[in-house]
Amino acid sequence: MDTPDGFAPCRVIASYDWAALLTLIHTEYAFMQGRVDPPTATDALTPEALADQAARGEIWVIEAAERPVACIFLTPKPPALFICKLAVASTHRGRGLARRLVAVAEDRAAARGLTHLALHNRVELTENHAAFTALGFAITGQTAHEGYERPTRVTMQRPVGLR
């Protein structure tokens, strides 16, 4: 997909610069450290885990100067397509890159005949809840990580065909 500003999402395949993608994710998820309990598992991501996600699900990126500046992971779990690891570099926020990646997710869900997009977001990250609400998502439930009795994450969903 060509875009006037050059920020076109592209699907990542087996041979990608996993180190650059890990840097983007680690940098943009660092704000969670000390805010979420249990701690985020992003530090445990490895190049092998990224390659596995690209093979068994999908990873889409937007690049600038041949480096990833935004990404999204997609995993089909019928009837939904689950979104994970949506990240936009702080240097590239406010340009609609997250919206473009969510549009890709919606297109991919529609192509698979899935009815909605879904994601989990940490309870503490209310600013993320607001950002996803602005993208058409609504909170539909809460769950707890293993070993926790209190809710640790919210589930958010958005119907396919919303745009």
C-alpha atoms as a PDB file:
ATOM      1  CA  MET A   1       0.000   0.000   0.000  1.00  0.00           C
ATOM      2  CA  ASP A   2       1.605   3.275  -1.118  1.00  0.00           C
ATOM      3  CA  THR A   3       0.897   6.337   0.976  1.00  0.00           C
ATOM      4  CA  PRO A   4       1.610   9.984   0.179  1.00  0.00           C
ATOM      5  CA  ASP A   5       3.840  10.322   3.230  1.00  0.00           C
ATOM      6  CA  GLY A   6       5.766   7.103   2.562  1.00  0.00           C
ATOM      7  CA  PHE A   7       4.608   5.356   5.762  1.00  0.00           C
ATOM      8  CA  ALA A   8       3.259   2.152   4.226  1.00  0.00           C
ATOM      9  CA  PRO A   9       2.663  -0.910   6.417  1.00  0.00           C
ATOM     10  CA  CYS A  10       4.444  -4.049   5.260  1.00  0.00           C
ATOM     11  CA  ARG A  11       4.281  -7.613   6.513  1.00  0.00           C
ATOM     12  CA  VAL A  12       7.428  -8.974   8.111  1.00  0.00           C
ATOM     13  CA  ILE A  13       8.617 -12.405   7.068  1.00  0.00           C
ATOM     14  CA  ALA A  14      11.295 -14.790   8.316  1.00  0.00           C
ATOM     15  CA  SER A  15      14.357 -12.745   7.443  1.00  0.00           C
ATOM     16  CA  TYR A  16      13.904  -9.377   9.127  1.00  0.00           C
ATOM     17  CA  ASP A  17      16.036  -7.164  11.341  1.00  0.00           C
ATOM     18  CA  TRP A  18      14.722  -8.652  14.574  1.00  0.00           C
ATOM     19  CA  ALA A  19      17.191  -6.637  16.666  1.00  0.00           C
ATOM     20  CA  ALA A  20      15.766  -3.373  15.311  1.00  0.00           C
ATOM     21  CA  LEU A  21      12.211  -4.553  15.986  1.00  0.00           C
ATOM     22  CA  LEU A  22      13.156  -5.604  19.530  1.00  0.00           C
ATOM     23  CA  THR A  23      14.688  -2.162  20.097  1.00  0.00           C
ATOM     24  CA  LEU A  24      11.448  -0.471  19.041  1.00  0.00           C
ATOM     25  CA  ILE A  25       9.345  -2.694  21.304  1.00  0.00           C
ATOM     26  CA  HIS A  26      11.671  -2.443  24.304  1.00  0.00           C
ATOM     27  CA  THR A  27      11.933   1.339  23.960  1.00  0.00           C
ATOM     28  CA  GLU A  28       8.212   1.971  23.582  1.00  0.00           C
ATOM     29  CA  TYR A  29       7.170  -0.489  26.298  1.00  0.00           C
ATOM     30  CA  ALA A  30       9.756   0.750  28.834  1.00  0.00           C
ATOM     31  CA  PHE A  31       7.261   3.193  30.373  1.00  0.00           C
ATOM     32  CA  MET A  32       5.370   0.197  31.790  1.00  0.00           C
ATOM     33  CA  GLN A  33       8.229  -0.869  34.040  1.00  0.00           C
ATOM     34  CA  GLY A  34       7.223  -0.207  37.602  1.00  0.00           C
ATOM     35  CA  ARG A  35       3.641   0.644  36.563  1.00  0.00           C
ATOM     36  CA  VAL A  36       2.161  -2.742  35.756  1.00  0.00           C
ATOM     37  CA  ASP A  37       1.921  -5.790  37.949  1.00  0.00           C
ATOM     38  CA  PRO A  38       2.810  -8.411  36.903  1.00  0.00           C
ATOM     39  CA  PRO A  39       5.710  -6.899  34.975  1.00  0.00           C
ATOM     40  CA  THR A  40       5.462  -6.847  31.186  1.00  0.00           C
ATOM     41  CA  ALA A  41       6.976  -9.805  29.389  1.00  0.00           C
ATOM     42  CA  THR A  42       8.411  -7.704  26.550  1.00  0.00           C
ATOM     43  CA  ASP A  43      11.919  -7.947  27.987  1.00  0.00           C
ATOM     44  CA  ALA A  44      11.734 -11.708  27.495  1.00  0.00           C
ATOM     45  CA  LEU A  45      11.097 -11.368  23.746  1.00  0.00           C
ATOM     46  CA  THR A  46      13.834 -12.861  21.605  1.00  0.00           C
ATOM     47  CA  PRO A  47      14.616 -12.822  17.901  1.00  0.00           C
ATOM     48  CA  GLU A  48      13.417 -16.430  17.806  1.00  0.00           C
ATOM     49  CA  ALA A  49      10.088 -15.488  19.401  1.00  0.00           C
ATOM     50  CA  LEU A  50       9.617 -12.719  16.834  1.00  0.00           C
ATOM     51  CA  ALA A  51      10.413 -15.079  13.963  1.00  0.00           C
ATOM     52  CA  ASP A  52       7.905 -17.566  15.398  1.00  0.00           C
ATOM     53  CA  GLN A  53       5.206 -14.856  15.616  1.00  0.00           C
ATOM     54  CA  ALA A  54       5.912 -13.867  12.011  1.00  0.00           C
ATOM     55  CA  ALA A  55       5.555 -17.502  10.933  1.00  0.00           C
ATOM     56  CA  ARG A  56       2.540 -18.560  13.032  1.00  0.00           C
ATOM     57  CA  GLY A  57       0.728 -15.231  13.094  1.00  0.00           C
ATOM     58  CA  GLU A  58       1.633 -11.946  11.459  1.00  0.00           C
ATOM     59  CA  ILE A  59       3.854  -8.986  12.195  1.00  0.00           C
ATOM     60  CA  TRP A  60       3.367  -5.735  10.313  1.00  0.00           C
ATOM     61  CA  VAL A  61       5.750  -2.792  10.487  1.00  0.00           C
ATOM     62  CA  ILE A  62       6.028   0.725   9.205  1.00  0.00           C
ATOM     63  CA  GLU A  63       9.583   1.814   8.479  1.00  0.00           C
ATOM     64  CA  ALA A  64      11.400   5.111   8.173  1.00  0.00           C
ATOM     65  CA  ALA A  65      15.019   5.270   7.029  1.00  0.00           C
ATOM     66  CA  GLU A  66      14.921   1.448   6.803  1.00  0.00           C
ATOM     67  CA  ARG A  67      14.175   1.075  10.527  1.00  0.00           C
ATOM     68  CA  PRO A  68      10.866   0.022  12.086  1.00  0.00           C
ATOM     69  CA  VAL A  69       9.041   2.975  13.654  1.00  0.00           C
ATOM     70  CA  ALA A  70       5.736   1.194  14.266  1.00  0.00           C
ATOM     71  CA  CYS A  71       4.602  -2.411  14.585  1.00  0.00           C
ATOM     72  CA  ILE A  72       1.639  -4.630  15.331  1.00  0.00           C
ATOM     73  CA  PHE A  73       1.379  -8.378  15.966  1.00  0.00           C
ATOM     74  CA  LEU A  74      -1.734 -10.223  14.736  1.00  0.00           C
ATOM     75  CA  THR A  75      -2.912 -13.654  15.845  1.00  0.00           C
ATOM     76  CA  PRO A  76      -6.171 -15.259  14.682  1.00  0.00           C
ATOM     77  CA  LYS A  77      -8.257 -16.653  17.548  1.00  0.00           C
ATOM     78  CA  PRO A  78     -11.659 -17.108  15.889  1.00  0.00           C
ATOM     79  CA  PRO A  79     -13.972 -15.331  15.894  1.00  0.00           C
ATOM     80  CA  ALA A  80     -11.432 -12.553  16.601  1.00  0.00           C
ATOM     81  CA  LEU A  81      -8.099 -11.355  15.300  1.00  0.00           C
ATOM     82  CA  PHE A  82      -6.010 -10.499  18.350  1.00  0.00           C
ATOM     83  CA  ILE A  83      -3.743  -7.467  18.318  1.00  0.00           C
ATOM     84  CA  CYS A  84      -0.606  -7.442  20.413  1.00  0.00           C
ATOM     85  CA  LYS A  85       2.562  -5.344  20.669  1.00  0.00           C
ATOM     86  CA  LEU A  86       1.175  -2.280  18.923  1.00  0.00           C
ATOM     87  CA  ALA A  87       3.995   0.232  19.241  1.00  0.00           C
ATOM     88  CA  VAL A  88       4.819   3.552  17.595  1.00  0.00           C
ATOM     89  CA  ALA A  89       8.179   5.249  18.128  1.00  0.00           C
ATOM     90  CA  SER A  90       7.828   8.459  20.132  1.00  0.00           C
ATOM     91  CA  THR A  91       9.527  10.273  17.235  1.00  0.00           C
ATOM     92  CA  HIS A  92       6.695   9.254  14.894  1.00  0.00           C
ATOM     93  CA  ARG A  93       3.571   9.658  17.016  1.00  0.00           C
ATOM     94  CA  GLY A  94       0.725  11.861  15.903  1.00  0.00           C
ATOM     95  CA  ARG A  95       1.027  10.800  12.257  1.00  0.00           C
ATOM     96  CA  GLY A  96      -1.734   8.194  12.231  1.00  0.00           C
ATOM     97  CA  LEU A  97       0.597   5.186  12.171  1.00  0.00           C
ATOM     98  CA  ALA A  98      -1.314   3.256  14.864  1.00  0.00           C
ATOM     99  CA  ARG A  99      -4.543   3.943  12.968  1.00  0.00           C
ATOM    100  CA  ARG A 100      -2.948   2.558   9.772  1.00  0.00           C
ATOM    101  CA  LEU A 101      -1.821  -0.592  11.518  1.00  0.00           C
ATOM    102  CA  VAL A 102      -5.271  -1.135  13.042  1.00  0.00           C
ATOM    103  CA  ALA A 103      -6.716  -0.700   9.525  1.00  0.00           C
ATOM    104  CA  VAL A 104      -4.361  -3.445   8.328  1.00  0.00           C
ATOM    105  CA  ALA A 105      -5.593  -5.635  11.194  1.00  0.00           C
ATOM    106  CA  GLU A 106      -9.186  -4.992  10.177  1.00  0.00           C
ATOM    107  CA  ASP A 107      -8.429  -5.877   6.546  1.00  0.00           C
ATOM    108  CA  ARG A 108      -6.672  -9.080   7.626  1.00  0.00           C
ATOM    109  CA  ALA A 109      -9.581 -10.021   9.921  1.00  0.00           C
ATOM    110  CA  ALA A 110     -12.125  -9.407   7.153  1.00  0.00           C
ATOM    111  CA  ALA A 111     -10.082 -11.523   4.735  1.00  0.00           C
ATOM    112  CA  ARG A 112     -10.262 -14.397   7.227  1.00  0.00           C
ATOM    113  CA  GLY A 113     -13.977 -13.955   7.876  1.00  0.00           C
ATOM    114  CA  LEU A 114     -13.377 -12.924  11.497  1.00  0.00           C
ATOM    115  CA  THR A 115     -15.983 -10.735  13.161  1.00  0.00           C
ATOM    116  CA  HIS A 116     -13.907  -8.458  15.374  1.00  0.00           C
ATOM    117  CA  LEU A 117     -10.520  -7.244  16.536  1.00  0.00           C
ATOM    118  CA  ALA A 118      -9.569  -7.877  20.151  1.00  0.00           C
ATOM    119  CA  LEU A 119      -6.713  -7.039  22.472  1.00  0.00           C
ATOM    120  CA  HIS A 120      -5.664  -7.182  26.088  1.00  0.00           C
ATOM    121  CA  ASN A 121      -4.418  -4.063  27.823  1.00  0.00           C
ATOM    122  CA  ARG A 122      -3.149  -3.663  31.344  1.00  0.00           C
ATOM    123  CA  VAL A 123      -5.624  -2.282  33.865  1.00  0.00           C
ATOM    124  CA  GLU A 124      -3.159   0.402  34.984  1.00  0.00           C
ATOM    125  CA  LEU A 125      -2.623   1.862  31.503  1.00  0.00           C
ATOM    126  CA  THR A 126      -5.685   4.086  31.312  1.00  0.00           C
ATOM    127  CA  GLU A 127      -4.041   6.309  28.695  1.00  0.00           C
ATOM    128  CA  ASN A 128      -3.796   3.247  26.439  1.00  0.00           C
ATOM    129  CA  HIS A 129      -7.478   2.493  27.076  1.00  0.00           C
ATOM    130  CA  ALA A 130      -8.286   6.023  25.885  1.00  0.00           C
ATOM    131  CA  ALA A 131      -6.083   5.653  22.786  1.00  0.00           C
ATOM    132  CA  PHE A 132      -7.749   2.378  21.810  1.00  0.00           C
ATOM    133  CA  THR A 133     -11.195   3.830  22.514  1.00  0.00           C
ATOM    134  CA  ALA A 134     -10.343   6.612  20.038  1.00  0.00           C
ATOM    135  CA  LEU A 135      -9.579   3.834  17.517  1.00  0.00           C
ATOM    136  CA  GLY A 136     -13.066   2.365  17.949  1.00  0.00           C
ATOM    137  CA  PHE A 137     -12.401  -0.246  20.647  1.00  0.00           C
ATOM    138  CA  ALA A 138     -14.563  -0.737  23.736  1.00  0.00           C
ATOM    139  CA  ILE A 139     -13.761  -2.504  26.991  1.00  0.00           C
ATOM    140  CA  THR A 140     -15.679  -5.783  27.073  1.00  0.00           C
ATOM    141  CA  GLY A 141     -14.223  -7.503  30.134  1.00  0.00           C
ATOM    142  CA  GLN A 142     -11.432  -7.960  32.635  1.00  0.00           C
ATOM    143  CA  THR A 143      -9.204 -10.932  33.398  1.00  0.00           C
ATOM    144  CA  ALA A 144      -6.357 -11.744  35.758  1.00  0.00           C
ATOM    145  CA  HIS A 145      -2.925 -13.138  35.056  1.00  0.00           C
ATOM    146  CA  GLU A 146      -2.221 -16.530  36.616  1.00  0.00           C
ATOM    147  CA  GLY A 147      -1.678 -16.190  40.358  1.00  0.00           C
ATOM    148  CA  TYR A 148      -3.566 -12.882  40.663  1.00  0.00           C
ATOM    149  CA  GLU A 149      -6.993 -12.565  42.214  1.00  0.00           C
ATOM    150  CA  ARG A 150      -7.590  -8.991  41.055  1.00  0.00           C
ATOM    151  CA  PRO A 151      -8.071  -8.013  37.400  1.00  0.00           C
ATOM    152  CA  THR A 152      -4.730  -7.248  35.739  1.00  0.00           C
ATOM    153  CA  ARG A 153      -5.894  -6.642  32.170  1.00  0.00           C
ATOM    154  CA  VAL A 154      -8.903  -5.428  30.264  1.00  0.00           C
ATOM    155  CA  THR A 155     -10.175  -6.965  27.058  1.00  0.00           C
ATOM    156  CA  MET A 156     -11.083  -4.480  24.335  1.00  0.00           C
ATOM    157  CA  GLN A 157     -12.904  -5.270  21.089  1.00  0.00           C
ATOM    158  CA  ARG A 158     -13.853  -3.536  17.889  1.00  0.00           C
ATOM    159  CA  PRO A 159     -16.166  -4.960  15.209  1.00  0.00           C
ATOM    160  CA  VAL A 160     -14.757  -5.541  11.739  1.00  0.00           C
ATOM    161  CA  GLY A 161     -16.278  -3.107   9.254  1.00  0.00           C
ATOM    162  CA  LEU A 162     -16.268  -0.142  11.627  1.00  0.00           C
ATOM    163  CA  ARG A 163     -14.392   2.182   9.255  1.00  0.00           C
END
